[in-house]
Amino acid sequence: MKRIIFTIILISSFLFGFSQNDSTFYKKGIYKTFSDFKNKIPNESVEFTTHQLKNNLSIGFQLRDENNKRIKKAFAVSDGKTVFVKVKEVQKLVRKNQKVGTPLDSGWDFMPSLLKSKDIIYFENYYVGIGTQIFGGKSYLTGIIYNFKTENFTVLSSNDKINEFITEFDSDLTNKYSFSGKTVDLNKVRKLINEIITGF
């Protein structure tokens, strides 16, 4: 539990004071499919509450409607400010284009957007390495990007993948940001994302 609190404080301090572009963001409601999410068309309006998971290695949420019924049949749910995407559905999309480990959240849990602009949405979640989950592999917190232009989710779990994203998104950033080594510097990733979103 202490780890969850520390993670939330750390991310909150990172986000504090950073501008976010809401003009093109998601209207309040349920987005049942990835297609609805891509097109920003909610299927239905909903009043819901968020419930932080009590897993030491999760920053995910369970969502419940006004009848306290758990929301399951949705790709994403938005309150108009934060969009929550289902971990299981994102993982399916990611694995079509990328070899990646396994998120530690349940398949029914949702992860919240942390930063957003007209170009990208940034999330974070805990993962374990490929093939190591059944052996109790080491977990790591990693960034996840949704790119509106490519309509793809990318898990920034390796420096090669981060460099690939930078080159594809804005090659001018390669002059300032280069990631190398075996481990990912998450704070450096956050600075990169903040610069993409705010221009600073």
C-alpha atoms as a PDB file:
ATOM      1  CA  MET A   1       0.000   0.000   0.000  1.00  0.00           C
ATOM      2  CA  LYS A   2       2.882   2.376   0.768  1.00  0.00           C
ATOM      3  CA  ARG A   3       4.192   1.809  -2.730  1.00  0.00           C
ATOM      4  CA  ILE A   4       0.847   2.840  -4.268  1.00  0.00           C
ATOM      5  CA  ILE A   5       0.753   6.039  -2.217  1.00  0.00           C
ATOM      6  CA  PHE A   6       4.354   6.855  -3.135  1.00  0.00           C
ATOM      7  CA  THR A   7       3.646   6.237  -6.824  1.00  0.00           C
ATOM      8  CA  ILE A   8       0.558   8.452  -6.806  1.00  0.00           C
ATOM      9  CA  ILE A   9       2.429  11.249  -5.004  1.00  0.00           C
ATOM     10  CA  LEU A  10       5.338  10.962  -7.437  1.00  0.00           C
ATOM     11  CA  ILE A  11       3.105  11.107 -10.508  1.00  0.00           C
ATOM     12  CA  SER A  12       0.990  13.895  -9.017  1.00  0.00           C
ATOM     13  CA  SER A  13       4.076  16.011  -8.344  1.00  0.00           C
ATOM     14  CA  PHE A  14       5.174  15.414 -11.903  1.00  0.00           C
ATOM     15  CA  LEU A  15       1.817  16.514 -13.272  1.00  0.00           C
ATOM     16  CA  PHE A  16       1.311  19.527 -10.993  1.00  0.00           C
ATOM     17  CA  GLY A  17       1.388  22.754 -12.940  1.00  0.00           C
ATOM     18  CA  PHE A  18       1.667  21.159 -16.366  1.00  0.00           C
ATOM     19  CA  SER A  19      -0.912  22.374 -18.873  1.00  0.00           C
ATOM     20  CA  GLN A  20      -3.129  19.883 -20.642  1.00  0.00           C
ATOM     21  CA  ASN A  21      -5.154  20.483 -23.785  1.00  0.00           C
ATOM     22  CA  ASP A  22      -8.801  19.616 -23.112  1.00  0.00           C
ATOM     23  CA  SER A  23     -10.233  21.152 -26.279  1.00  0.00           C
ATOM     24  CA  THR A  24     -10.047  17.897 -28.225  1.00  0.00           C
ATOM     25  CA  PHE A  25     -10.436  15.476 -25.360  1.00  0.00           C
ATOM     26  CA  TYR A  26     -13.053  12.850 -24.634  1.00  0.00           C
ATOM     27  CA  LYS A  27     -16.604  13.765 -23.727  1.00  0.00           C
ATOM     28  CA  LYS A  28     -18.052  12.198 -20.611  1.00  0.00           C
ATOM     29  CA  GLY A  29     -19.371   8.699 -21.286  1.00  0.00           C
ATOM     30  CA  ILE A  30     -18.628   5.083 -22.121  1.00  0.00           C
ATOM     31  CA  TYR A  31     -16.647   4.153 -25.228  1.00  0.00           C
ATOM     32  CA  LYS A  32     -17.506   0.509 -25.808  1.00  0.00           C
ATOM     33  CA  THR A  33     -15.047  -0.282 -28.597  1.00  0.00           C
ATOM     34  CA  PHE A  34     -11.633   0.854 -29.806  1.00  0.00           C
ATOM     35  CA  SER A  35     -13.367   2.335 -32.835  1.00  0.00           C
ATOM     36  CA  ASP A  36     -15.537   4.490 -30.558  1.00  0.00           C
ATOM     37  CA  PHE A  37     -12.401   5.537 -28.688  1.00  0.00           C
ATOM     38  CA  LYS A  38     -10.516   6.443 -31.895  1.00  0.00           C
ATOM     39  CA  ASN A  39     -13.449   8.484 -33.173  1.00  0.00           C
ATOM     40  CA  LYS A  40     -14.170  10.037 -29.757  1.00  0.00           C
ATOM     41  CA  ILE A  41     -17.803   8.991 -29.921  1.00  0.00           C
ATOM     42  CA  PRO A  42     -19.280   7.828 -26.586  1.00  0.00           C
ATOM     43  CA  ASN A  43     -22.018   5.189 -26.760  1.00  0.00           C
ATOM     44  CA  GLU A  44     -23.805   6.345 -23.654  1.00  0.00           C
ATOM     45  CA  SER A  45     -23.491   8.825 -20.825  1.00  0.00           C
ATOM     46  CA  VAL A  46     -22.635   7.501 -17.393  1.00  0.00           C
ATOM     47  CA  GLU A  47     -22.123   8.627 -13.832  1.00  0.00           C
ATOM     48  CA  PHE A  48     -19.368   6.569 -12.276  1.00  0.00           C
ATOM     49  CA  THR A  49     -17.019   6.360  -9.326  1.00  0.00           C
ATOM     50  CA  THR A  50     -13.378   5.288  -9.310  1.00  0.00           C
ATOM     51  CA  HIS A  51     -11.939   2.786  -6.857  1.00  0.00           C
ATOM     52  CA  GLN A  52      -8.170   2.627  -6.467  1.00  0.00           C
ATOM     53  CA  LEU A  53      -6.911  -0.952  -6.406  1.00  0.00           C
ATOM     54  CA  LYS A  54      -5.205  -2.175  -3.245  1.00  0.00           C
ATOM     55  CA  ASN A  55      -2.498  -4.063  -5.079  1.00  0.00           C
ATOM     56  CA  ASN A  56       1.004  -2.901  -4.144  1.00  0.00           C
ATOM     57  CA  LEU A  57       1.990  -3.033  -7.804  1.00  0.00           C
ATOM     58  CA  SER A  58      -0.893  -1.255  -9.456  1.00  0.00           C
ATOM     59  CA  ILE A  59      -2.096   2.255 -10.139  1.00  0.00           C
ATOM     60  CA  GLY A  60      -5.176   0.908 -11.891  1.00  0.00           C
ATOM     61  CA  PHE A  61      -8.816   1.505 -11.019  1.00  0.00           C
ATOM     62  CA  GLN A  62     -12.104  -0.306 -10.910  1.00  0.00           C
ATOM     63  CA  LEU A  63     -15.024   1.768 -12.185  1.00  0.00           C
ATOM     64  CA  ARG A  64     -18.578   1.492 -10.866  1.00  0.00           C
ATOM     65  CA  ASP A  65     -21.786   3.027 -12.208  1.00  0.00           C
ATOM     66  CA  GLU A  66     -24.486   4.855 -10.241  1.00  0.00           C
ATOM     67  CA  ASN A  67     -25.926   1.478  -9.138  1.00  0.00           C
ATOM     68  CA  ASN A  68     -22.484   0.471  -7.797  1.00  0.00           C
ATOM     69  CA  LYS A  69     -22.223  -2.114 -10.571  1.00  0.00           C
ATOM     70  CA  ARG A  70     -18.733  -2.677 -11.877  1.00  0.00           C
ATOM     71  CA  ILE A  71     -18.209  -1.375 -15.418  1.00  0.00           C
ATOM     72  CA  LYS A  72     -16.679  -4.130 -17.541  1.00  0.00           C
ATOM     73  CA  LYS A  73     -18.002  -3.911 -21.095  1.00  0.00           C
ATOM     74  CA  ALA A  74     -16.112  -0.830 -22.199  1.00  0.00           C
ATOM     75  CA  PHE A  75     -12.873  -0.027 -23.967  1.00  0.00           C
ATOM     76  CA  ALA A  76     -12.709   3.311 -22.173  1.00  0.00           C
ATOM     77  CA  VAL A  77     -14.699   5.563 -19.846  1.00  0.00           C
ATOM     78  CA  SER A  78     -14.300   9.324 -19.518  1.00  0.00           C
ATOM     79  CA  ASP A  79     -15.456  11.872 -16.948  1.00  0.00           C
ATOM     80  CA  GLY A  80     -14.679  14.685 -19.395  1.00  0.00           C
ATOM     81  CA  LYS A  81     -11.252  15.345 -17.914  1.00  0.00           C
ATOM     82  CA  THR A  82      -9.606  11.967 -17.412  1.00  0.00           C
ATOM     83  CA  VAL A  83     -10.083   9.015 -19.737  1.00  0.00           C
ATOM     84  CA  PHE A  84      -9.714   5.518 -18.249  1.00  0.00           C
ATOM     85  CA  VAL A  85      -8.785   2.764 -20.709  1.00  0.00           C
ATOM     86  CA  LYS A  86      -9.168  -0.936 -20.013  1.00  0.00           C
ATOM     87  CA  VAL A  87      -5.782  -2.564 -19.461  1.00  0.00           C
ATOM     88  CA  LYS A  88      -6.783  -5.836 -21.125  1.00  0.00           C
ATOM     89  CA  GLU A  89      -7.957  -4.180 -24.342  1.00  0.00           C
ATOM     90  CA  VAL A  90      -4.878  -1.985 -24.637  1.00  0.00           C
ATOM     91  CA  GLN A  91      -2.655  -5.024 -24.175  1.00  0.00           C
ATOM     92  CA  LYS A  92      -4.381  -6.805 -27.075  1.00  0.00           C
ATOM     93  CA  LEU A  93      -3.676  -3.856 -29.361  1.00  0.00           C
ATOM     94  CA  VAL A  94      -0.091  -3.419 -28.193  1.00  0.00           C
ATOM     95  CA  ARG A  95       0.800  -7.054 -28.845  1.00  0.00           C
ATOM     96  CA  LYS A  96      -0.177  -6.738 -32.495  1.00  0.00           C
ATOM     97  CA  ASN A  97       2.828  -4.460 -33.054  1.00  0.00           C
ATOM     98  CA  GLN A  98       5.175  -4.990 -30.131  1.00  0.00           C
ATOM     99  CA  LYS A  99       6.672  -7.734 -27.986  1.00  0.00           C
ATOM    100  CA  VAL A 100       5.983  -6.659 -24.450  1.00  0.00           C
ATOM    101  CA  GLY A 101       5.588  -8.111 -20.967  1.00  0.00           C
ATOM    102  CA  THR A 102       2.363  -8.438 -18.990  1.00  0.00           C
ATOM    103  CA  PRO A 103       0.618  -5.699 -16.985  1.00  0.00           C
ATOM    104  CA  LEU A 104       0.069  -6.557 -13.339  1.00  0.00           C
ATOM    105  CA  ASP A 105      -3.505  -5.276 -13.285  1.00  0.00           C
ATOM    106  CA  SER A 106      -6.500  -7.524 -13.727  1.00  0.00           C
ATOM    107  CA  GLY A 107      -7.915  -7.676 -17.239  1.00  0.00           C
ATOM    108  CA  TRP A 108     -10.958  -5.719 -16.056  1.00  0.00           C
ATOM    109  CA  ASP A 109      -9.042  -2.816 -14.516  1.00  0.00           C
ATOM    110  CA  PHE A 110      -8.667   0.637 -16.078  1.00  0.00           C
ATOM    111  CA  MET A 111      -5.639   2.917 -16.180  1.00  0.00           C
ATOM    112  CA  PRO A 112      -6.118   6.710 -16.104  1.00  0.00           C
ATOM    113  CA  SER A 113      -4.668   9.250 -18.515  1.00  0.00           C
ATOM    114  CA  LEU A 114      -1.951  11.325 -16.863  1.00  0.00           C
ATOM    115  CA  LEU A 115      -1.075  13.833 -19.571  1.00  0.00           C
ATOM    116  CA  LYS A 116      -2.819  14.645 -22.816  1.00  0.00           C
ATOM    117  CA  SER A 117      -2.727  16.900 -25.866  1.00  0.00           C
ATOM    118  CA  LYS A 118      -4.155  16.967 -29.377  1.00  0.00           C
ATOM    119  CA  ASP A 119      -1.347  14.582 -30.406  1.00  0.00           C
ATOM    120  CA  ILE A 120      -0.950  12.005 -27.635  1.00  0.00           C
ATOM    121  CA  ILE A 121      -2.271  10.632 -24.358  1.00  0.00           C
ATOM    122  CA  TYR A 122       0.218   9.454 -21.755  1.00  0.00           C
ATOM    123  CA  PHE A 123      -0.425   6.667 -19.219  1.00  0.00           C
ATOM    124  CA  GLU A 124       1.718   4.669 -16.813  1.00  0.00           C
ATOM    125  CA  ASN A 125       1.348   1.122 -15.515  1.00  0.00           C
ATOM    126  CA  TYR A 126       3.302  -1.689 -13.882  1.00  0.00           C
ATOM    127  CA  TYR A 127       4.546  -4.541 -16.077  1.00  0.00           C
ATOM    128  CA  VAL A 128       6.625  -7.689 -15.678  1.00  0.00           C
ATOM    129  CA  GLY A 129       9.071  -8.850 -18.332  1.00  0.00           C
ATOM    130  CA  ILE A 130       8.280 -11.216 -21.182  1.00  0.00           C
ATOM    131  CA  GLY A 131       8.077 -14.811 -19.982  1.00  0.00           C
ATOM    132  CA  THR A 132       8.933 -13.935 -16.371  1.00  0.00           C
ATOM    133  CA  GLN A 133       5.492 -13.474 -14.812  1.00  0.00           C
ATOM    134  CA  ILE A 134       5.045 -17.146 -13.982  1.00  0.00           C
ATOM    135  CA  PHE A 135       8.435 -17.162 -12.269  1.00  0.00           C
ATOM    136  CA  GLY A 136       7.822 -14.054 -10.188  1.00  0.00           C
ATOM    137  CA  GLY A 137       9.770 -11.728 -12.458  1.00  0.00           C
ATOM    138  CA  LYS A 138      10.710  -8.209 -11.421  1.00  0.00           C
ATOM    139  CA  SER A 139       8.064  -5.563 -12.029  1.00  0.00           C
ATOM    140  CA  TYR A 140       8.692  -2.123 -13.472  1.00  0.00           C
ATOM    141  CA  LEU A 141       6.687   1.056 -13.955  1.00  0.00           C
ATOM    142  CA  THR A 142       6.590   2.161 -17.585  1.00  0.00           C
ATOM    143  CA  GLY A 143       5.048   4.839 -19.772  1.00  0.00           C
ATOM    144  CA  ILE A 144       2.386   4.082 -22.375  1.00  0.00           C
ATOM    145  CA  ILE A 145       1.535   6.369 -25.286  1.00  0.00           C
ATOM    146  CA  TYR A 146      -1.565   6.619 -27.427  1.00  0.00           C
ATOM    147  CA  ASN A 147      -0.723   8.444 -30.665  1.00  0.00           C
ATOM    148  CA  PHE A 148      -3.771  10.032 -32.332  1.00  0.00           C
ATOM    149  CA  LYS A 149      -2.028  10.189 -35.708  1.00  0.00           C
ATOM    150  CA  THR A 150      -1.028   6.518 -35.915  1.00  0.00           C
ATOM    151  CA  GLU A 151      -3.967   5.332 -33.750  1.00  0.00           C
ATOM    152  CA  ASN A 152      -1.573   3.044 -31.882  1.00  0.00           C
ATOM    153  CA  PHE A 153      -0.705   2.372 -28.267  1.00  0.00           C
ATOM    154  CA  THR A 154       3.005   1.950 -27.528  1.00  0.00           C
ATOM    155  CA  VAL A 155       4.533   0.665 -24.286  1.00  0.00           C
ATOM    156  CA  LEU A 156       7.776   2.574 -23.684  1.00  0.00           C
ATOM    157  CA  SER A 157       9.416  -0.415 -22.039  1.00  0.00           C
ATOM    158  CA  SER A 158      12.775  -0.257 -23.820  1.00  0.00           C
ATOM    159  CA  ASN A 159      15.121   2.498 -24.919  1.00  0.00           C
ATOM    160  CA  ASP A 160      14.949   1.253 -28.508  1.00  0.00           C
ATOM    161  CA  LYS A 161      11.167   1.611 -28.478  1.00  0.00           C
ATOM    162  CA  ILE A 162      11.405   5.119 -26.994  1.00  0.00           C
ATOM    163  CA  ASN A 163      13.916   6.213 -29.641  1.00  0.00           C
ATOM    164  CA  GLU A 164      11.684   4.734 -32.322  1.00  0.00           C
ATOM    165  CA  PHE A 165       8.727   6.712 -30.981  1.00  0.00           C
ATOM    166  CA  ILE A 166      10.739   9.971 -30.882  1.00  0.00           C
ATOM    167  CA  THR A 167      11.949   9.545 -34.467  1.00  0.00           C
ATOM    168  CA  GLU A 168       8.445   8.752 -35.700  1.00  0.00           C
ATOM    169  CA  PHE A 169       6.737  11.501 -33.734  1.00  0.00           C
ATOM    170  CA  ASP A 170       9.183  14.401 -34.163  1.00  0.00           C
ATOM    171  CA  SER A 171      12.672  13.753 -35.509  1.00  0.00           C
ATOM    172  CA  ASP A 172      13.841  17.167 -34.253  1.00  0.00           C
ATOM    173  CA  LEU A 173      13.607  15.804 -30.701  1.00  0.00           C
ATOM    174  CA  THR A 174      16.348  13.274 -31.464  1.00  0.00           C
ATOM    175  CA  ASN A 175      18.855  16.116 -31.159  1.00  0.00           C
ATOM    176  CA  LYS A 176      17.848  16.575 -27.533  1.00  0.00           C
ATOM    177  CA  TYR A 177      16.683  13.146 -26.388  1.00  0.00           C
ATOM    178  CA  SER A 178      18.512   9.875 -26.857  1.00  0.00           C
ATOM    179  CA  PHE A 179      17.881   6.825 -24.728  1.00  0.00           C
ATOM    180  CA  SER A 180      20.473   4.072 -24.297  1.00  0.00           C
ATOM    181  CA  GLY A 181      21.409   1.259 -21.951  1.00  0.00           C
ATOM    182  CA  LYS A 182      19.515  -1.678 -20.536  1.00  0.00           C
ATOM    183  CA  THR A 183      17.205   0.255 -18.227  1.00  0.00           C
ATOM    184  CA  VAL A 184      14.728   3.022 -18.996  1.00  0.00           C
ATOM    185  CA  ASP A 185      15.002   6.346 -17.165  1.00  0.00           C
ATOM    186  CA  LEU A 186      11.327   7.005 -16.445  1.00  0.00           C
ATOM    187  CA  ASN A 187      11.939  10.538 -15.202  1.00  0.00           C
ATOM    188  CA  LYS A 188      13.620  11.337 -18.510  1.00  0.00           C
ATOM    189  CA  VAL A 189      10.638   9.834 -20.345  1.00  0.00           C
ATOM    190  CA  ARG A 190       8.325  12.099 -18.347  1.00  0.00           C
ATOM    191  CA  LYS A 191      10.385  15.155 -19.280  1.00  0.00           C
ATOM    192  CA  LEU A 192      10.170  14.120 -22.925  1.00  0.00           C
ATOM    193  CA  ILE A 193       6.391  13.707 -22.773  1.00  0.00           C
ATOM    194  CA  ASN A 194       5.991  16.997 -20.957  1.00  0.00           C
ATOM    195  CA  GLU A 195       8.000  18.776 -23.670  1.00  0.00           C
ATOM    196  CA  ILE A 196       5.891  17.187 -26.405  1.00  0.00           C
ATOM    197  CA  ILE A 197       2.697  18.296 -24.692  1.00  0.00           C
ATOM    198  CA  THR A 198       3.644  21.739 -23.372  1.00  0.00           C
ATOM    199  CA  GLY A 199       6.461  22.730 -25.703  1.00  0.00           C
ATOM    200  CA  PHE A 200       8.794  23.335 -22.744  1.00  0.00           C
END
